[in-house]
mmCIF file of all heavy atoms, coordinates in Angstrom:
data_MODEL
# 
_entry.id   MODEL 
# 
loop_
_atom_site.group_PDB 
_atom_site.id 
_atom_site.type_symbol 
_atom_site.label_atom_id 
_atom_site.label_alt_id 
_atom_site.label_comp_id 
_atom_site.label_asym_id 
_atom_site.label_entity_id 
_atom_site.label_seq_id 
_atom_site.pdbx_PDB_ins_code 
_atom_site.Cartn_x 
_atom_site.Cartn_y 
_atom_site.Cartn_z 
_atom_site.occupancy 
_atom_site.B_iso_or_equiv 
_atom_site.pdbx_formal_charge 
_atom_site.auth_seq_id 
_atom_site.auth_comp_id 
_atom_site.auth_asym_id 
_atom_site.auth_atom_id 
_atom_site.pdbx_PDB_model_num 
ATOM 1   N N   . LEU A 1 1  ? 105.542 79.529 123.891 1.00 0.00 ? 1  LEU A N   1 
ATOM 2   C CA  . LEU A 1 1  ? 105.089 79.341 122.434 1.00 0.00 ? 1  LEU A CA  1 
ATOM 3   C C   . LEU A 1 1  ? 105.776 80.408 121.607 1.00 0.00 ? 1  LEU A C   1 
ATOM 4   O O   . LEU A 1 1  ? 105.786 81.551 121.928 1.00 0.00 ? 1  LEU A O   1 
ATOM 5   C CB  . LEU A 1 1  ? 103.532 79.486 122.277 1.00 0.00 ? 1  LEU A CB  1 
ATOM 6   C CG  . LEU A 1 1  ? 102.932 79.513 120.943 1.00 0.00 ? 1  LEU A CG  1 
ATOM 7   C CD1 . LEU A 1 1  ? 103.196 78.219 120.200 1.00 0.00 ? 1  LEU A CD1 1 
ATOM 8   C CD2 . LEU A 1 1  ? 101.425 79.764 121.022 1.00 0.00 ? 1  LEU A CD2 1 
ATOM 9   N N   . SER A 1 2  ? 106.430 80.021 120.527 1.00 0.00 ? 2  SER A N   1 
ATOM 10  C CA  . SER A 1 2  ? 107.153 80.937 119.652 1.00 0.00 ? 2  SER A CA  1 
ATOM 11  C C   . SER A 1 2  ? 106.184 81.799 118.855 1.00 0.00 ? 2  SER A C   1 
ATOM 12  O O   . SER A 1 2  ? 105.227 81.304 118.266 1.00 0.00 ? 2  SER A O   1 
ATOM 13  C CB  . SER A 1 2  ? 108.054 80.117 118.734 1.00 0.00 ? 2  SER A CB  1 
ATOM 14  O OG  . SER A 1 2  ? 108.505 80.956 117.616 1.00 0.00 ? 2  SER A OG  1 
ATOM 15  N N   . ALA A 1 3  ? 106.397 83.079 118.872 1.00 0.00 ? 3  ALA A N   1 
ATOM 16  C CA  . ALA A 1 3  ? 105.587 83.951 117.984 1.00 0.00 ? 3  ALA A CA  1 
ATOM 17  C C   . ALA A 1 3  ? 105.779 83.618 116.532 1.00 0.00 ? 3  ALA A C   1 
ATOM 18  O O   . ALA A 1 3  ? 104.776 83.723 115.767 1.00 0.00 ? 3  ALA A O   1 
ATOM 19  C CB  . ALA A 1 3  ? 106.024 85.457 118.206 1.00 0.00 ? 3  ALA A CB  1 
ATOM 20  N N   . ASP A 1 4  ? 106.923 83.171 116.123 1.00 0.00 ? 4  ASP A N   1 
ATOM 21  C CA  . ASP A 1 4  ? 107.158 82.790 114.692 1.00 0.00 ? 4  ASP A CA  1 
ATOM 22  C C   . ASP A 1 4  ? 106.300 81.540 114.378 1.00 0.00 ? 4  ASP A C   1 
ATOM 23  O O   . ASP A 1 4  ? 105.864 81.499 113.259 1.00 0.00 ? 4  ASP A O   1 
ATOM 24  C CB  . ASP A 1 4  ? 108.660 82.453 114.482 1.00 0.00 ? 4  ASP A CB  1 
ATOM 25  C CG  . ASP A 1 4  ? 109.541 83.702 114.528 1.00 0.00 ? 4  ASP A CG  1 
ATOM 26  O OD1 . ASP A 1 4  ? 109.002 84.834 114.434 1.00 0.00 ? 4  ASP A OD1 1 
ATOM 27  O OD2 . ASP A 1 4  ? 110.787 83.583 114.657 1.00 0.00 ? 4  ASP A OD2 1 
ATOM 28  N N   . ARG A 1 5  ? 106.103 80.639 115.381 1.00 0.00 ? 5  ARG A N   1 
ATOM 29  C CA  . ARG A 1 5  ? 105.297 79.471 115.091 1.00 0.00 ? 5  ARG A CA  1 
ATOM 30  C C   . ARG A 1 5  ? 103.876 79.841 114.804 1.00 0.00 ? 5  ARG A C   1 
ATOM 31  O O   . ARG A 1 5  ? 103.221 79.393 113.892 1.00 0.00 ? 5  ARG A O   1 
ATOM 32  C CB  . ARG A 1 5  ? 105.385 78.541 116.298 1.00 0.00 ? 5  ARG A CB  1 
ATOM 33  C CG  . ARG A 1 5  ? 104.343 77.367 116.304 1.00 0.00 ? 5  ARG A CG  1 
ATOM 34  C CD  . ARG A 1 5  ? 104.740 76.245 115.458 1.00 0.00 ? 5  ARG A CD  1 
ATOM 35  N NE  . ARG A 1 5  ? 104.276 76.363 114.113 1.00 0.00 ? 5  ARG A NE  1 
ATOM 36  C CZ  . ARG A 1 5  ? 103.061 76.042 113.601 1.00 0.00 ? 5  ARG A CZ  1 
ATOM 37  N NH1 . ARG A 1 5  ? 102.161 75.576 114.425 1.00 0.00 ? 5  ARG A NH1 1 
ATOM 38  N NH2 . ARG A 1 5  ? 102.883 76.194 112.365 1.00 0.00 ? 5  ARG A NH2 1 
ATOM 39  N N   . VAL A 1 6  ? 103.340 80.831 115.561 1.00 0.00 ? 6  VAL A N   1 
ATOM 40  C CA  . VAL A 1 6  ? 101.980 81.313 115.299 1.00 0.00 ? 6  VAL A CA  1 
ATOM 41  C C   . VAL A 1 6  ? 101.903 82.066 113.970 1.00 0.00 ? 6  VAL A C   1 
ATOM 42  O O   . VAL A 1 6  ? 100.916 81.867 113.204 1.00 0.00 ? 6  VAL A O   1 
ATOM 43  C CB  . VAL A 1 6  ? 101.582 82.280 116.428 1.00 0.00 ? 6  VAL A CB  1 
ATOM 44  C CG1 . VAL A 1 6  ? 100.151 82.796 116.166 1.00 0.00 ? 6  VAL A CG1 1 
ATOM 45  C CG2 . VAL A 1 6  ? 101.537 81.495 117.767 1.00 0.00 ? 6  VAL A CG2 1 
ATOM 46  N N   . ALA A 1 7  ? 102.917 82.879 113.639 1.00 0.00 ? 7  ALA A N   1 
ATOM 47  C CA  . ALA A 1 7  ? 102.905 83.550 112.364 1.00 0.00 ? 7  ALA A CA  1 
ATOM 48  C C   . ALA A 1 7  ? 102.978 82.536 111.198 1.00 0.00 ? 7  ALA A C   1 
ATOM 49  O O   . ALA A 1 7  ? 102.315 82.707 110.152 1.00 0.00 ? 7  ALA A O   1 
ATOM 50  C CB  . ALA A 1 7  ? 104.130 84.485 112.295 1.00 0.00 ? 7  ALA A CB  1 
ATOM 51  N N   . GLU A 1 8  ? 103.769 81.497 111.411 1.00 0.00 ? 8  GLU A N   1 
ATOM 52  C CA  . GLU A 1 8  ? 103.834 80.459 110.343 1.00 0.00 ? 8  GLU A CA  1 
ATOM 53  C C   . GLU A 1 8  ? 102.472 79.784 110.143 1.00 0.00 ? 8  GLU A C   1 
ATOM 54  O O   . GLU A 1 8  ? 102.048 79.559 109.023 1.00 0.00 ? 8  GLU A O   1 
ATOM 55  C CB  . GLU A 1 8  ? 104.875 79.410 110.758 1.00 0.00 ? 8  GLU A CB  1 
ATOM 56  C CG  . GLU A 1 8  ? 104.985 78.210 109.780 1.00 0.00 ? 8  GLU A CG  1 
ATOM 57  C CD  . GLU A 1 8  ? 105.836 77.113 110.304 1.00 0.00 ? 8  GLU A CD  1 
ATOM 58  O OE1 . GLU A 1 8  ? 105.681 76.736 111.513 1.00 0.00 ? 8  GLU A OE1 1 
ATOM 59  O OE2 . GLU A 1 8  ? 106.772 76.665 109.577 1.00 0.00 ? 8  GLU A OE2 1 
ATOM 60  N N   . ALA A 1 9  ? 101.824 79.462 111.220 1.00 0.00 ? 9  ALA A N   1 
ATOM 61  C CA  . ALA A 1 9  ? 100.491 78.838 111.166 1.00 0.00 ? 9  ALA A CA  1 
ATOM 62  C C   . ALA A 1 9  ? 99.511  79.742 110.466 1.00 0.00 ? 9  ALA A C   1 
ATOM 63  O O   . ALA A 1 9  ? 98.717  79.314 109.603 1.00 0.00 ? 9  ALA A O   1 
ATOM 64  C CB  . ALA A 1 9  ? 100.006 78.430 112.518 1.00 0.00 ? 9  ALA A CB  1 
ATOM 65  N N   . ALA A 1 10 ? 99.441  80.989 110.842 1.00 0.00 ? 10 ALA A N   1 
ATOM 66  C CA  . ALA A 1 10 ? 98.537  82.025 110.262 1.00 0.00 ? 10 ALA A CA  1 
ATOM 67  C C   . ALA A 1 10 ? 98.873  82.171 108.809 1.00 0.00 ? 10 ALA A C   1 
ATOM 68  O O   . ALA A 1 10 ? 97.886  82.258 108.004 1.00 0.00 ? 10 ALA A O   1 
ATOM 69  C CB  . ALA A 1 10 ? 98.649  83.298 110.979 1.00 0.00 ? 10 ALA A CB  1 
ATOM 70  N N   . GLY A 1 11 ? 100.113 82.173 108.423 1.00 0.00 ? 11 GLY A N   1 
ATOM 71  C CA  . GLY A 1 11 ? 100.490 82.329 106.997 1.00 0.00 ? 11 GLY A CA  1 
ATOM 72  C C   . GLY A 1 11 ? 99.982  81.125 106.185 1.00 0.00 ? 11 GLY A C   1 
ATOM 73  O O   . GLY A 1 11 ? 99.464  81.351 105.030 1.00 0.00 ? 11 GLY A O   1 
ATOM 74  N N   . ARG A 1 12 ? 100.077 79.898 106.731 1.00 0.00 ? 12 ARG A N   1 
ATOM 75  C CA  . ARG A 1 12 ? 99.589  78.720 105.973 1.00 0.00 ? 12 ARG A CA  1 
ATOM 76  C C   . ARG A 1 12 ? 98.091  78.815 105.804 1.00 0.00 ? 12 ARG A C   1 
ATOM 77  O O   . ARG A 1 12 ? 97.541  78.510 104.725 1.00 0.00 ? 12 ARG A O   1 
ATOM 78  C CB  . ARG A 1 12 ? 99.934  77.499 106.705 1.00 0.00 ? 12 ARG A CB  1 
ATOM 79  C CG  . ARG A 1 12 ? 101.399 77.055 106.506 1.00 0.00 ? 12 ARG A CG  1 
ATOM 80  C CD  . ARG A 1 12 ? 101.545 75.573 106.787 1.00 0.00 ? 12 ARG A CD  1 
ATOM 81  N NE  . ARG A 1 12 ? 102.928 75.160 106.650 1.00 0.00 ? 12 ARG A NE  1 
ATOM 82  C CZ  . ARG A 1 12 ? 103.747 74.966 107.605 1.00 0.00 ? 12 ARG A CZ  1 
ATOM 83  N NH1 . ARG A 1 12 ? 103.356 75.179 108.899 1.00 0.00 ? 12 ARG A NH1 1 
ATOM 84  N NH2 . ARG A 1 12 ? 105.044 74.558 107.440 1.00 0.00 ? 12 ARG A NH2 1 
ATOM 85  N N   . VAL A 1 13 ? 97.360  79.239 106.802 1.00 0.00 ? 13 VAL A N   1 
ATOM 86  C CA  . VAL A 1 13 ? 95.924  79.311 106.762 1.00 0.00 ? 13 VAL A CA  1 
ATOM 87  C C   . VAL A 1 13 ? 95.482  80.384 105.754 1.00 0.00 ? 13 VAL A C   1 
ATOM 88  O O   . VAL A 1 13 ? 94.598  80.153 104.905 1.00 0.00 ? 13 VAL A O   1 
ATOM 89  C CB  . VAL A 1 13 ? 95.301  79.621 108.115 1.00 0.00 ? 13 VAL A CB  1 
ATOM 90  C CG1 . VAL A 1 13 ? 93.789  79.869 108.013 1.00 0.00 ? 13 VAL A CG1 1 
ATOM 91  C CG2 . VAL A 1 13 ? 95.596  78.454 109.054 1.00 0.00 ? 13 VAL A CG2 1 
ATOM 92  N N   . ARG A 1 14 ? 96.141  81.524 105.733 1.00 0.00 ? 14 ARG A N   1 
ATOM 93  C CA  . ARG A 1 14 ? 95.796  82.591 104.804 1.00 0.00 ? 14 ARG A CA  1 
ATOM 94  C C   . ARG A 1 14 ? 96.111  82.197 103.390 1.00 0.00 ? 14 ARG A C   1 
ATOM 95  O O   . ARG A 1 14 ? 95.270  82.493 102.462 1.00 0.00 ? 14 ARG A O   1 
ATOM 96  C CB  . ARG A 1 14 ? 96.644  83.884 105.153 1.00 0.00 ? 14 ARG A CB  1 
ATOM 97  C CG  . ARG A 1 14 ? 96.146  84.533 106.435 1.00 0.00 ? 14 ARG A CG  1 
ATOM 98  C CD  . ARG A 1 14 ? 96.950  85.785 106.740 1.00 0.00 ? 14 ARG A CD  1 
ATOM 99  N NE  . ARG A 1 14 ? 96.572  86.360 108.025 1.00 0.00 ? 14 ARG A NE  1 
ATOM 100 C CZ  . ARG A 1 14 ? 97.098  87.426 108.581 1.00 0.00 ? 14 ARG A CZ  1 
ATOM 101 N NH1 . ARG A 1 14 ? 98.118  88.048 107.932 1.00 0.00 ? 14 ARG A NH1 1 
ATOM 102 N NH2 . ARG A 1 14 ? 96.669  87.968 109.693 1.00 0.00 ? 14 ARG A NH2 1 
ATOM 103 N N   . GLU A 1 15 ? 97.202  81.453 103.170 1.00 0.00 ? 15 GLU A N   1 
ATOM 104 C CA  . GLU A 1 15 ? 97.542  81.033 101.843 1.00 0.00 ? 15 GLU A CA  1 
ATOM 105 C C   . GLU A 1 15 ? 96.457  80.006 101.287 1.00 0.00 ? 15 GLU A C   1 
ATOM 106 O O   . GLU A 1 15 ? 96.050  80.073 100.196 1.00 0.00 ? 15 GLU A O   1 
ATOM 107 C CB  . GLU A 1 15 ? 98.894  80.321 101.775 1.00 0.00 ? 15 GLU A CB  1 
ATOM 108 C CG  . GLU A 1 15 ? 99.317  79.831 100.392 1.00 0.00 ? 15 GLU A CG  1 
ATOM 109 C CD  . GLU A 1 15 ? 100.675 79.122 100.433 1.00 0.00 ? 15 GLU A CD  1 
ATOM 110 O OE1 . GLU A 1 15 ? 101.259 78.916 101.527 1.00 0.00 ? 15 GLU A OE1 1 
ATOM 111 O OE2 . GLU A 1 15 ? 101.107 78.771 99.346  1.00 0.00 ? 15 GLU A OE2 1 
ATOM 112 N N   . LEU A 1 16 ? 96.031  79.114 102.171 1.00 0.00 ? 16 LEU A N   1 
ATOM 113 C CA  . LEU A 1 16 ? 94.966  78.169 101.817 1.00 0.00 ? 16 LEU A CA  1 
ATOM 114 C C   . LEU A 1 16 ? 93.695  78.908 101.514 1.00 0.00 ? 16 LEU A C   1 
ATOM 115 O O   . LEU A 1 16 ? 93.085  78.634 100.490 1.00 0.00 ? 16 LEU A O   1 
ATOM 116 C CB  . LEU A 1 16 ? 94.768  77.179 102.944 1.00 0.00 ? 16 LEU A CB  1 
ATOM 117 C CG  . LEU A 1 16 ? 93.570  76.219 102.773 1.00 0.00 ? 16 LEU A CG  1 
ATOM 118 C CD1 . LEU A 1 16 ? 93.783  75.253 101.603 1.00 0.00 ? 16 LEU A CD1 1 
ATOM 119 C CD2 . LEU A 1 16 ? 93.228  75.495 104.121 1.00 0.00 ? 16 LEU A CD2 1 
ATOM 120 N N   . ALA A 1 17 ? 93.293  79.832 102.326 1.00 0.00 ? 17 ALA A N   1 
ATOM 121 C CA  . ALA A 1 17 ? 92.095  80.624 102.166 1.00 0.00 ? 17 ALA A CA  1 
ATOM 122 C C   . ALA A 1 17 ? 92.150  81.404 100.856 1.00 0.00 ? 17 ALA A C   1 
ATOM 123 O O   . ALA A 1 17 ? 91.141  81.442 100.114 1.00 0.00 ? 17 ALA A O   1 
ATOM 124 C CB  . ALA A 1 17 ? 91.828  81.543 103.376 1.00 0.00 ? 17 ALA A CB  1 
ATOM 125 N N   . ARG A 1 18 ? 93.270  81.979 100.565 1.00 0.00 ? 18 ARG A N   1 
ATOM 126 C CA  . ARG A 1 18 ? 93.389  82.769 99.300  1.00 0.00 ? 18 ARG A CA  1 
ATOM 127 C C   . ARG A 1 18 ? 93.209  81.808 98.117  1.00 0.00 ? 18 ARG A C   1 
ATOM 128 O O   . ARG A 1 18 ? 92.485  82.104 97.184  1.00 0.00 ? 18 ARG A O   1 
ATOM 129 C CB  . ARG A 1 18 ? 94.756  83.403 99.271  1.00 0.00 ? 18 ARG A CB  1 
ATOM 130 C CG  . ARG A 1 18 ? 94.969  84.212 97.912  1.00 0.00 ? 18 ARG A CG  1 
ATOM 131 C CD  . ARG A 1 18 ? 96.448  84.460 97.698  1.00 0.00 ? 18 ARG A CD  1 
ATOM 132 N NE  . ARG A 1 18 ? 97.141  83.183 97.482  1.00 0.00 ? 18 ARG A NE  1 
ATOM 133 C CZ  . ARG A 1 18 ? 98.492  83.047 97.440  1.00 0.00 ? 18 ARG A CZ  1 
ATOM 134 N NH1 . ARG A 1 18 ? 99.231  84.121 97.662  1.00 0.00 ? 18 ARG A NH1 1 
ATOM 135 N NH2 . ARG A 1 18 ? 99.038  81.902 97.218  1.00 0.00 ? 18 ARG A NH2 1 
ATOM 136 N N   . ASP A 1 19 ? 93.870  80.674 98.161  1.00 0.00 ? 19 ASP A N   1 
ATOM 137 C CA  . ASP A 1 19 ? 93.803  79.751 97.032  1.00 0.00 ? 19 ASP A CA  1 
ATOM 138 C C   . ASP A 1 19 ? 92.336  79.217 96.826  1.00 0.00 ? 19 ASP A C   1 
ATOM 139 O O   . ASP A 1 19 ? 91.866  79.078 95.685  1.00 0.00 ? 19 ASP A O   1 
ATOM 140 C CB  . ASP A 1 19 ? 94.704  78.533 97.238  1.00 0.00 ? 19 ASP A CB  1 
ATOM 141 C CG  . ASP A 1 19 ? 96.206  78.903 97.139  1.00 0.00 ? 19 ASP A CG  1 
ATOM 142 O OD1 . ASP A 1 19 ? 96.475  80.056 96.726  1.00 0.00 ? 19 ASP A OD1 1 
ATOM 143 O OD2 . ASP A 1 19 ? 97.026  78.060 97.522  1.00 0.00 ? 19 ASP A OD2 1 
ATOM 144 N N   . LEU A 1 20 ? 91.669  78.953 97.941  1.00 0.00 ? 20 LEU A N   1 
ATOM 145 C CA  . LEU A 1 20 ? 90.280  78.489 97.864  1.00 0.00 ? 20 LEU A CA  1 
ATOM 146 C C   . LEU A 1 20 ? 89.342  79.547 97.311  1.00 0.00 ? 20 LEU A C   1 
ATOM 147 O O   . LEU A 1 20 ? 88.429  79.271 96.559  1.00 0.00 ? 20 LEU A O   1 
ATOM 148 C CB  . LEU A 1 20 ? 89.805  77.997 99.206  1.00 0.00 ? 20 LEU A CB  1 
ATOM 149 C CG  . LEU A 1 20 ? 90.548  76.749 99.783  1.00 0.00 ? 20 LEU A CG  1 
ATOM 150 C CD1 . LEU A 1 20 ? 90.031  76.419 101.161 1.00 0.00 ? 20 LEU A CD1 1 
ATOM 151 C CD2 . LEU A 1 20 ? 90.349  75.579 98.826  1.00 0.00 ? 20 LEU A CD2 1 
ATOM 152 N N   . ALA A 1 21 ? 89.590  80.847 97.775  1.00 0.00 ? 21 ALA A N   1 
ATOM 153 C CA  . ALA A 1 21 ? 88.792  81.936 97.275  1.00 0.00 ? 21 ALA A CA  1 
ATOM 154 C C   . ALA A 1 21 ? 88.992  82.099 95.766  1.00 0.00 ? 21 ALA A C   1 
ATOM 155 O O   . ALA A 1 21 ? 88.041  82.345 95.063  1.00 0.00 ? 21 ALA A O   1 
ATOM 156 C CB  . ALA A 1 21 ? 89.152  83.222 98.000  1.00 0.00 ? 21 ALA A CB  1 
ATOM 157 N N   . LEU A 1 22 ? 90.164  81.981 95.284  1.00 0.00 ? 22 LEU A N   1 
ATOM 158 C CA  . LEU A 1 22 ? 90.459  82.139 93.859  1.00 0.00 ? 22 LEU A CA  1 
ATOM 159 C C   . LEU A 1 22 ? 89.884  80.960 93.106  1.00 0.00 ? 22 LEU A C   1 
ATOM 160 O O   . LEU A 1 22 ? 89.357  81.141 92.018  1.00 0.00 ? 22 LEU A O   1 
ATOM 161 C CB  . LEU A 1 22 ? 92.028  82.201 93.592  1.00 0.00 ? 22 LEU A CB  1 
ATOM 162 C CG  . LEU A 1 22 ? 92.726  83.400 94.165  1.00 0.00 ? 22 LEU A CG  1 
ATOM 163 C CD1 . LEU A 1 22 ? 94.227  83.287 93.934  1.00 0.00 ? 22 LEU A CD1 1 
ATOM 164 C CD2 . LEU A 1 22 ? 92.151  84.689 93.526  1.00 0.00 ? 22 LEU A CD2 1 
ATOM 165 N N   . SER A 1 23 ? 89.976  79.718 93.711  1.00 0.00 ? 23 SER A N   1 
ATOM 166 C CA  . SER A 1 23 ? 89.332  78.579 93.037  1.00 0.00 ? 23 SER A CA  1 
ATOM 167 C C   . SER A 1 23 ? 87.888  78.742 92.870  1.00 0.00 ? 23 SER A C   1 
ATOM 168 O O   . SER A 1 23 ? 87.275  78.229 91.922  1.00 0.00 ? 23 SER A O   1 
ATOM 169 C CB  . SER A 1 23 ? 89.689  77.279 93.833  1.00 0.00 ? 23 SER A CB  1 
ATOM 170 O OG  . SER A 1 23 ? 91.064  77.010 93.830  1.00 0.00 ? 23 SER A OG  1 
ATOM 171 N N   . SER A 1 24 ? 87.229  79.311 93.857  1.00 0.00 ? 24 SER A N   1 
ATOM 172 C CA  . SER A 1 24 ? 85.745  79.477 93.829  1.00 0.00 ? 24 SER A CA  1 
ATOM 173 C C   . SER A 1 24 ? 85.335  80.383 92.649  1.00 0.00 ? 24 SER A C   1 
ATOM 174 O O   . SER A 1 24 ? 84.158  80.308 92.266  1.00 0.00 ? 24 SER A O   1 
ATOM 175 C CB  . SER A 1 24 ? 85.269  80.047 95.130  1.00 0.00 ? 24 SER A CB  1 
ATOM 176 O OG  . SER A 1 24 ? 85.631  81.443 95.317  1.00 0.00 ? 24 SER A OG  1 
ATOM 177 N N   . GLU A 1 25 ? 86.243  81.134 92.111  1.00 0.00 ? 25 GLU A N   1 
ATOM 178 C CA  . GLU A 1 25 ? 85.875  82.032 90.991  1.00 0.00 ? 25 GLU A CA  1 
ATOM 179 C C   . GLU A 1 25 ? 86.198  81.422 89.616  1.00 0.00 ? 25 GLU A C   1 
ATOM 180 O O   . GLU A 1 25 ? 85.788  81.908 88.602  1.00 0.00 ? 25 GLU A O   1 
ATOM 181 C CB  . GLU A 1 25 ? 86.681  83.329 91.129  1.00 0.00 ? 25 GLU A CB  1 
ATOM 182 C CG  . GLU A 1 25 ? 86.339  84.135 92.383  1.00 0.00 ? 25 GLU A CG  1 
ATOM 183 C CD  . GLU A 1 25 ? 87.276  85.298 92.645  1.00 0.00 ? 25 GLU A CD  1 
ATOM 184 O OE1 . GLU A 1 25 ? 88.234  85.487 91.767  1.00 0.00 ? 25 GLU A OE1 1 
ATOM 185 O OE2 . GLU A 1 25 ? 87.071  86.104 93.554  1.00 0.00 ? 25 GLU A OE2 1 
ATOM 186 N N   . GLU A 1 26 ? 86.844  80.258 89.648  1.00 0.00 ? 26 GLU A N   1 
ATOM 187 C CA  . GLU A 1 26 ? 87.236  79.625 88.422  1.00 0.00 ? 26 GLU A CA  1 
ATOM 188 C C   . GLU A 1 26 ? 86.084  78.674 88.026  1.00 0.00 ? 26 GLU A C   1 
ATOM 189 O O   . GLU A 1 26 ? 85.476  77.980 88.839  1.00 0.00 ? 26 GLU A O   1 
ATOM 190 C CB  . GLU A 1 26 ? 88.549  78.793 88.544  1.00 0.00 ? 26 GLU A CB  1 
ATOM 191 C CG  . GLU A 1 26 ? 89.711  79.671 88.978  1.00 0.00 ? 26 GLU A CG  1 
ATOM 192 C CD  . GLU A 1 26 ? 90.082  80.698 87.895  1.00 0.00 ? 26 GLU A CD  1 
ATOM 193 O OE1 . GLU A 1 26 ? 89.842  80.437 86.707  1.00 0.00 ? 26 GLU A OE1 1 
ATOM 194 O OE2 . GLU A 1 26 ? 90.586  81.773 88.270  1.00 0.00 ? 26 GLU A OE2 1 
ATOM 195 N N   . PRO A 1 27 ? 85.795  78.582 86.670  1.00 0.00 ? 27 PRO A N   1 
ATOM 196 C CA  . PRO A 1 27 ? 84.758  77.649 86.229  1.00 0.00 ? 27 PRO A CA  1 
ATOM 197 C C   . PRO A 1 27 ? 85.257  76.185 86.395  1.00 0.00 ? 27 PRO A C   1 
ATOM 198 O O   . PRO A 1 27 ? 86.395  75.882 86.276  1.00 0.00 ? 27 PRO A O   1 
ATOM 199 C CB  . PRO A 1 27 ? 84.643  77.954 84.756  1.00 0.00 ? 27 PRO A CB  1 
ATOM 200 C CG  . PRO A 1 27 ? 85.970  78.616 84.394  1.00 0.00 ? 27 PRO A CG  1 
ATOM 201 C CD  . PRO A 1 27 ? 86.417  79.363 85.603  1.00 0.00 ? 27 PRO A CD  1 
ATOM 202 N N   . VAL A 1 28 ? 84.359  75.365 86.817  1.00 0.00 ? 28 VAL A N   1 
ATOM 203 C CA  . VAL A 1 28 ? 84.606  73.933 86.991  1.00 0.00 ? 28 VAL A CA  1 
ATOM 204 C C   . VAL A 1 28 ? 83.589  73.130 86.227  1.00 0.00 ? 28 VAL A C   1 
ATOM 205 O O   . VAL A 1 28 ? 82.342  73.430 86.217  1.00 0.00 ? 28 VAL A O   1 
ATOM 206 C CB  . VAL A 1 28 ? 84.515  73.537 88.486  1.00 0.00 ? 28 VAL A CB  1 
ATOM 207 C CG1 . VAL A 1 28 ? 84.692  72.033 88.649  1.00 0.00 ? 28 VAL A CG1 1 
ATOM 208 C CG2 . VAL A 1 28 ? 85.623  74.269 89.270  1.00 0.00 ? 28 VAL A CG2 1 
# 
Protein backbone atom coordinates (compact mmCIF):
# COMPACT_ATOMS: atom_id res chain seq x y z
CA LEU A 1 0.00 0.00 0.00
CA SER A 2 1.44 3.35 -1.01
CA ALA A 3 1.97 5.86 1.79
CA ASP A 4 1.04 8.59 -0.69
CA ARG A 5 -2.33 6.85 -1.30
CA VAL A 6 -3.10 6.99 2.43
CA ALA A 7 -1.99 10.63 2.62
CA GLU A 8 -4.23 11.44 -0.35
CA ALA A 9 -7.21 9.75 1.31
CA ALA A 10 -6.61 11.52 4.62
CA GLY A 11 -6.27 14.85 2.82
CA ARG A 12 -9.63 14.43 1.09
CA VAL A 13 -11.33 13.52 4.36
CA ARG A 14 -9.82 16.51 6.16
CA GLU A 15 -10.85 18.87 3.36
CA LEU A 16 -14.42 17.55 3.51
CA ALA A 17 -14.50 17.85 7.30
CA ARG A 18 -13.19 21.41 7.17
CA ASP A 19 -15.78 22.43 4.60
CA LEU A 20 -18.59 20.85 6.62
CA ALA A 21 -17.38 22.53 9.81
CA LEU A 22 -17.35 25.91 8.07
CA SER A 23 -20.78 25.25 6.57
CA SER A 24 -22.20 24.50 10.01
CA GLU A 25 -21.34 28.04 11.05
CA GLU A 26 -23.06 29.67 8.07
CA PRO A 27 -26.72 30.72 8.34
CA VAL A 28 -29.11 28.62 6.28
